């Protein structure tokens, strides 16, 4: 007789979402357990979430204050500039005082853009 290796996993989901998911899975010929096992097996096989995860459909920054969004954006820009410098890439920059765009080389030299 084969040893039973299954374990119980408990998760919390919105009631409406659960009901809609169960309806979909029933239409597809499976139950919630089978659907979640399909998802988990595919994730493990691909070593990734098996579909694109994007903020574009949910509204980027949902739940964040304007200040938090600004801080996150500034951090991302700063990280990108550091990475460009590390890789020796030219970076497009903007001098707000002069209202002028310029290119900055990894060595710090600047070339004005016309």
N, C-alpha and C. Protein backbone atom coordinates (compact mmCIF):
# COMPACT_ATOMS: atom_id res chain seq x y z
N UNK A 1 0.83 -1.18 0.00
CA UNK A 1 0.00 0.00 0.00
C UNK A 1 0.88 1.25 0.00
N UNK A 2 0.53 2.23 -0.83
CA UNK A 2 1.29 3.47 -0.97
C UNK A 2 1.07 4.38 0.25
N UNK A 3 2.18 4.92 0.77
CA UNK A 3 2.08 5.85 1.91
C UNK A 3 1.47 7.16 1.44
N UNK A 4 0.60 7.71 2.26
CA UNK A 4 -0.08 8.96 1.93
C UNK A 4 0.80 10.14 2.35
N UNK A 5 1.29 10.93 1.39
CA UNK A 5 2.21 12.02 1.67
C UNK A 5 1.54 13.39 1.63
N UNK A 6 0.26 13.45 1.34
CA UNK A 6 -0.43 14.73 1.24
C UNK A 6 -0.48 15.42 2.60
N UNK A 7 -0.40 16.74 2.58
CA UNK A 7 -0.57 17.55 3.79
C UNK A 7 -1.67 18.57 3.54
N UNK A 8 -2.30 18.99 4.60
CA UNK A 8 -3.37 19.98 4.50
C UNK A 8 -2.75 21.37 4.56
N UNK A 9 -3.18 22.25 3.65
CA UNK A 9 -2.75 23.65 3.62
C UNK A 9 -4.00 24.50 3.78
N UNK A 10 -3.96 25.44 4.70
CA UNK A 10 -5.10 26.31 4.93
C UNK A 10 -4.73 27.72 4.50
N UNK A 11 -5.58 28.33 3.68
CA UNK A 11 -5.36 29.71 3.25
C UNK A 11 -6.64 30.51 3.44
N UNK A 12 -6.50 31.82 3.51
CA UNK A 12 -7.66 32.70 3.61
C UNK A 12 -7.79 33.45 2.29
N UNK A 13 -9.01 33.46 1.76
CA UNK A 13 -9.31 34.22 0.54
C UNK A 13 -10.67 34.88 0.72
N UNK A 14 -10.88 35.92 -0.05
CA UNK A 14 -12.17 36.60 -0.06
C UNK A 14 -13.26 35.61 -0.48
N UNK A 15 -14.39 35.65 0.20
CA UNK A 15 -15.48 34.69 -0.06
C UNK A 15 -15.94 34.74 -1.52
N UNK A 16 -16.13 35.94 -2.06
CA UNK A 16 -16.58 36.09 -3.44
C UNK A 16 -15.55 35.52 -4.41
N UNK A 17 -14.27 35.79 -4.15
CA UNK A 17 -13.20 35.26 -5.01
C UNK A 17 -13.21 33.73 -4.98
N UNK A 18 -13.36 33.15 -3.80
CA UNK A 18 -13.39 31.68 -3.67
C UNK A 18 -14.54 31.10 -4.48
N UNK A 19 -15.73 31.70 -4.36
CA UNK A 19 -16.89 31.19 -5.08
C UNK A 19 -16.71 31.31 -6.58
N UNK A 20 -16.17 32.43 -7.03
CA UNK A 20 -15.94 32.62 -8.47
C UNK A 20 -14.89 31.64 -8.99
N UNK A 21 -13.85 31.43 -8.18
CA UNK A 21 -12.80 30.48 -8.58
C UNK A 21 -13.37 29.06 -8.65
N UNK A 22 -14.17 28.68 -7.66
CA UNK A 22 -14.77 27.34 -7.67
C UNK A 22 -15.65 27.15 -8.90
N UNK A 23 -16.39 28.19 -9.28
CA UNK A 23 -17.23 28.10 -10.49
C UNK A 23 -16.38 27.90 -11.73
N UNK A 24 -15.30 28.66 -11.82
CA UNK A 24 -14.40 28.53 -12.97
C UNK A 24 -13.79 27.14 -13.01
N UNK A 25 -13.27 26.68 -11.88
CA UNK A 25 -12.61 25.38 -11.85
C UNK A 25 -13.60 24.26 -12.16
N UNK A 26 -14.84 24.39 -11.68
CA UNK A 26 -15.86 23.39 -12.00
C UNK A 26 -16.10 23.36 -13.50
N UNK A 27 -16.18 24.54 -14.12
CA UNK A 27 -16.35 24.63 -15.57
C UNK A 27 -15.19 23.94 -16.28
N UNK A 28 -13.98 24.05 -15.71
CA UNK A 28 -12.79 23.44 -16.30
C UNK A 28 -12.65 21.96 -15.93
N UNK A 29 -13.58 21.45 -15.11
CA UNK A 29 -13.57 20.03 -14.77
C UNK A 29 -12.67 19.67 -13.61
N UNK A 30 -12.45 20.62 -12.71
CA UNK A 30 -11.61 20.33 -11.55
C UNK A 30 -12.14 21.04 -10.32
N UNK A 31 -11.61 20.68 -9.18
CA UNK A 31 -11.98 21.37 -7.95
C UNK A 31 -10.84 22.29 -7.52
N UNK A 32 -11.03 22.99 -6.41
CA UNK A 32 -10.04 23.95 -5.93
C UNK A 32 -8.71 23.25 -5.63
N UNK A 33 -8.75 22.09 -5.01
CA UNK A 33 -7.53 21.37 -4.67
C UNK A 33 -6.73 21.03 -5.92
N UNK A 34 -7.40 20.52 -6.93
CA UNK A 34 -6.72 20.17 -8.18
C UNK A 34 -6.13 21.41 -8.83
N UNK A 35 -6.91 22.50 -8.88
CA UNK A 35 -6.43 23.73 -9.50
C UNK A 35 -5.19 24.27 -8.78
N UNK A 36 -5.21 24.27 -7.46
CA UNK A 36 -4.05 24.77 -6.71
C UNK A 36 -2.85 23.84 -6.88
N UNK A 37 -3.08 22.54 -6.96
CA UNK A 37 -1.97 21.62 -7.23
C UNK A 37 -1.38 21.84 -8.61
N UNK A 38 -2.22 22.11 -9.61
CA UNK A 38 -1.74 22.42 -10.96
C UNK A 38 -0.84 23.66 -10.90
N UNK A 39 -1.32 24.70 -10.22
CA UNK A 39 -0.53 25.94 -10.09
C UNK A 39 0.81 25.66 -9.40
N UNK A 40 0.79 24.95 -8.27
CA UNK A 40 2.02 24.70 -7.53
C UNK A 40 3.01 23.85 -8.32
N UNK A 41 2.51 22.82 -9.01
CA UNK A 41 3.40 21.99 -9.82
C UNK A 41 4.05 22.79 -10.95
N UNK A 42 3.25 23.63 -11.60
CA UNK A 42 3.79 24.45 -12.70
C UNK A 42 4.81 25.46 -12.16
N UNK A 43 4.53 26.07 -11.02
CA UNK A 43 5.48 27.03 -10.42
C UNK A 43 6.81 26.35 -10.10
N UNK A 44 6.74 25.17 -9.51
CA UNK A 44 7.96 24.43 -9.16
C UNK A 44 8.71 24.03 -10.43
N UNK A 45 7.97 23.55 -11.44
CA UNK A 45 8.59 23.13 -12.70
C UNK A 45 9.33 24.29 -13.36
N UNK A 46 8.73 25.48 -13.35
CA UNK A 46 9.34 26.65 -14.00
C UNK A 46 10.23 27.44 -13.06
N UNK A 47 10.23 27.11 -11.79
CA UNK A 47 10.98 27.86 -10.77
C UNK A 47 10.60 29.34 -10.82
N UNK A 48 9.30 29.59 -11.01
CA UNK A 48 8.79 30.96 -11.12
C UNK A 48 7.28 30.93 -11.03
N UNK A 49 6.70 32.11 -10.83
CA UNK A 49 5.25 32.22 -10.95
C UNK A 49 4.93 31.93 -12.42
N UNK A 50 4.02 31.01 -12.72
CA UNK A 50 3.83 30.57 -14.11
C UNK A 50 2.97 31.50 -14.96
N UNK A 51 2.95 32.76 -14.64
CA UNK A 51 2.27 33.76 -15.45
C UNK A 51 2.85 35.11 -15.09
N UNK A 52 2.61 36.10 -15.95
CA UNK A 52 3.14 37.44 -15.69
C UNK A 52 2.45 38.05 -14.49
N UNK A 53 3.25 38.58 -13.57
CA UNK A 53 2.72 39.32 -12.44
C UNK A 53 3.02 40.79 -12.72
N UNK A 54 1.97 41.59 -12.77
CA UNK A 54 2.12 42.97 -13.19
C UNK A 54 1.25 43.89 -12.34
N UNK A 55 1.74 45.09 -12.10
CA UNK A 55 0.96 46.08 -11.37
C UNK A 55 0.02 46.84 -12.29
N UNK A 56 0.17 46.67 -13.60
CA UNK A 56 -0.60 47.49 -14.54
C UNK A 56 -2.11 47.29 -14.43
N UNK A 57 -2.55 46.08 -14.09
CA UNK A 57 -3.99 45.83 -14.01
C UNK A 57 -4.57 46.14 -12.63
N UNK A 58 -3.72 46.22 -11.63
CA UNK A 58 -4.21 46.44 -10.27
C UNK A 58 -3.98 47.87 -9.82
N UNK A 59 -3.32 48.66 -10.61
CA UNK A 59 -3.04 50.03 -10.24
C UNK A 59 -1.74 50.11 -9.45
N UNK A 60 -0.68 50.52 -10.09
CA UNK A 60 0.62 50.59 -9.44
C UNK A 60 0.54 51.47 -8.21
N UNK A 61 1.08 50.98 -7.13
CA UNK A 61 1.15 51.76 -5.91
C UNK A 61 -0.11 51.74 -5.08
N UNK A 62 -1.03 50.85 -5.39
CA UNK A 62 -2.27 50.79 -4.63
C UNK A 62 -1.94 50.65 -3.15
N UNK A 63 -2.53 51.50 -2.35
CA UNK A 63 -2.32 51.45 -0.91
C UNK A 63 -1.12 52.24 -0.43
N UNK A 64 -0.34 52.84 -1.33
CA UNK A 64 0.80 53.64 -0.92
C UNK A 64 0.45 55.12 -0.97
N UNK A 65 1.02 55.86 -0.04
CA UNK A 65 0.81 57.31 -0.05
C UNK A 65 1.63 57.93 -1.17
N UNK A 66 1.33 59.17 -1.49
CA UNK A 66 2.07 59.89 -2.52
C UNK A 66 3.54 59.97 -2.15
N UNK A 67 3.84 60.21 -0.88
CA UNK A 67 5.22 60.27 -0.43
C UNK A 67 5.94 58.95 -0.56
N UNK A 68 5.23 57.85 -0.24
CA UNK A 68 5.82 56.52 -0.37
C UNK A 68 6.10 56.18 -1.82
N UNK A 69 5.17 56.57 -2.71
CA UNK A 69 5.39 56.34 -4.15
C UNK A 69 6.58 57.14 -4.65
N UNK A 70 6.66 58.39 -4.24
CA UNK A 70 7.78 59.24 -4.65
C UNK A 70 9.09 58.64 -4.17
N UNK A 71 9.13 58.19 -2.92
CA UNK A 71 10.34 57.60 -2.35
C UNK A 71 10.73 56.33 -3.12
N UNK A 72 9.75 55.49 -3.43
CA UNK A 72 10.02 54.26 -4.18
C UNK A 72 10.56 54.58 -5.58
N UNK A 73 9.97 55.58 -6.23
CA UNK A 73 10.42 55.97 -7.57
C UNK A 73 11.84 56.52 -7.52
N UNK A 74 12.11 57.40 -6.55
CA UNK A 74 13.45 57.98 -6.43
C UNK A 74 14.48 56.88 -6.17
N UNK A 75 14.12 55.91 -5.33
CA UNK A 75 15.03 54.80 -5.05
C UNK A 75 15.32 53.98 -6.29
N UNK A 76 14.29 53.73 -7.08
CA UNK A 76 14.46 52.96 -8.32
C UNK A 76 15.35 53.70 -9.30
N UNK A 77 15.14 55.00 -9.43
CA UNK A 77 15.97 55.82 -10.34
C UNK A 77 17.42 55.81 -9.85
N UNK A 78 17.62 56.00 -8.56
CA UNK A 78 18.97 56.00 -7.99
C UNK A 78 19.66 54.66 -8.26
N UNK A 79 18.96 53.56 -8.04
CA UNK A 79 19.55 52.23 -8.29
C UNK A 79 19.91 52.06 -9.76
N UNK A 80 19.05 52.53 -10.64
CA UNK A 80 19.31 52.42 -12.08
C UNK A 80 20.55 53.23 -12.47
N UNK A 81 20.66 54.44 -11.93
CA UNK A 81 21.83 55.28 -12.23
C UNK A 81 23.12 54.62 -11.73
N UNK A 82 23.09 54.06 -10.52
CA UNK A 82 24.26 53.37 -9.99
C UNK A 82 24.64 52.17 -10.85
N UNK A 83 23.63 51.42 -11.30
CA UNK A 83 23.89 50.26 -12.15
C UNK A 83 24.49 50.69 -13.48
N UNK A 84 23.96 51.76 -14.07
CA UNK A 84 24.52 52.26 -15.33
C UNK A 84 25.97 52.68 -15.15
N UNK A 85 26.26 53.36 -14.05
CA UNK A 85 27.63 53.81 -13.78
C UNK A 85 28.55 52.59 -13.59
N UNK A 86 28.08 51.61 -12.83
CA UNK A 86 28.87 50.40 -12.60
C UNK A 86 29.20 49.69 -13.91
N UNK A 87 28.24 49.70 -14.83
CA UNK A 87 28.43 49.01 -16.11
C UNK A 87 29.13 49.88 -17.15
N UNK A 88 29.45 51.14 -16.80
CA UNK A 88 30.14 52.04 -17.72
C UNK A 88 29.24 52.61 -18.80
N UNK A 89 27.94 52.67 -18.54
CA UNK A 89 27.00 53.18 -19.53
C UNK A 89 26.79 54.68 -19.40
N UNK A 90 26.47 55.31 -20.49
CA UNK A 90 26.11 56.72 -20.49
C UNK A 90 24.67 56.83 -20.01
N UNK A 91 24.40 57.84 -19.19
CA UNK A 91 23.07 58.02 -18.62
C UNK A 91 22.52 59.38 -19.00
N UNK A 92 21.28 59.42 -19.42
CA UNK A 92 20.60 60.69 -19.71
C UNK A 92 20.20 61.31 -18.38
N UNK A 93 20.52 62.58 -18.18
CA UNK A 93 20.20 63.30 -16.95
C UNK A 93 19.55 64.64 -17.31
N UNK A 94 19.06 65.34 -16.30
CA UNK A 94 18.42 66.63 -16.53
C UNK A 94 18.84 67.59 -15.44
N UNK A 95 19.30 68.77 -15.86
CA UNK A 95 19.67 69.84 -14.93
C UNK A 95 18.47 70.77 -14.82
N UNK A 96 17.76 70.67 -13.70
CA UNK A 96 16.54 71.46 -13.52
C UNK A 96 16.83 72.96 -13.47
N UNK A 97 17.97 73.36 -12.89
CA UNK A 97 18.31 74.78 -12.79
C UNK A 97 18.53 75.39 -14.18
N UNK A 98 19.21 74.65 -15.04
CA UNK A 98 19.48 75.12 -16.40
C UNK A 98 18.37 74.74 -17.38
N UNK A 99 17.44 73.88 -16.92
CA UNK A 99 16.38 73.35 -17.78
C UNK A 99 16.99 72.77 -19.05
N UNK A 100 18.00 71.89 -18.83
CA UNK A 100 18.77 71.35 -19.94
C UNK A 100 19.05 69.87 -19.69
N UNK A 101 18.84 69.07 -20.71
CA UNK A 101 19.20 67.65 -20.64
C UNK A 101 20.68 67.49 -20.96
N UNK A 102 21.30 66.47 -20.38
CA UNK A 102 22.69 66.18 -20.70
C UNK A 102 22.94 64.68 -20.54
N UNK A 103 24.05 64.24 -21.13
CA UNK A 103 24.48 62.86 -20.99
C UNK A 103 25.65 62.82 -20.03
N UNK A 104 25.62 61.86 -19.11
CA UNK A 104 26.70 61.74 -18.14
C UNK A 104 27.37 60.39 -18.33
N UNK A 105 28.69 60.42 -18.52
CA UNK A 105 29.47 59.19 -18.67
C UNK A 105 29.76 58.61 -17.29
N UNK A 106 30.19 57.38 -17.28
CA UNK A 106 30.50 56.70 -16.02
C UNK A 106 31.60 57.42 -15.25
N UNK A 107 32.50 58.12 -15.98
CA UNK A 107 33.58 58.85 -15.31
C UNK A 107 33.14 60.24 -14.81
N UNK A 108 31.86 60.58 -15.01
CA UNK A 108 31.33 61.86 -14.52
C UNK A 108 31.34 62.99 -15.52
N UNK A 109 31.96 62.80 -16.69
CA UNK A 109 31.95 63.86 -17.69
C UNK A 109 30.56 64.02 -18.24
N UNK A 110 30.24 65.28 -18.60
CA UNK A 110 28.90 65.59 -19.08
C UNK A 110 28.96 66.18 -20.48
N UNK A 111 27.95 65.84 -21.25
CA UNK A 111 27.82 66.39 -22.60
C UNK A 111 26.39 66.90 -22.74
N UNK A 112 26.26 68.20 -23.04
CA UNK A 112 24.94 68.80 -23.17
C UNK A 112 24.21 68.24 -24.39
N UNK A 113 22.92 68.08 -24.27
CA UNK A 113 22.09 67.58 -25.36
C UNK A 113 21.36 68.77 -25.96
N UNK A 114 21.39 68.88 -27.26
CA UNK A 114 20.70 70.01 -27.92
C UNK A 114 19.40 69.56 -28.50
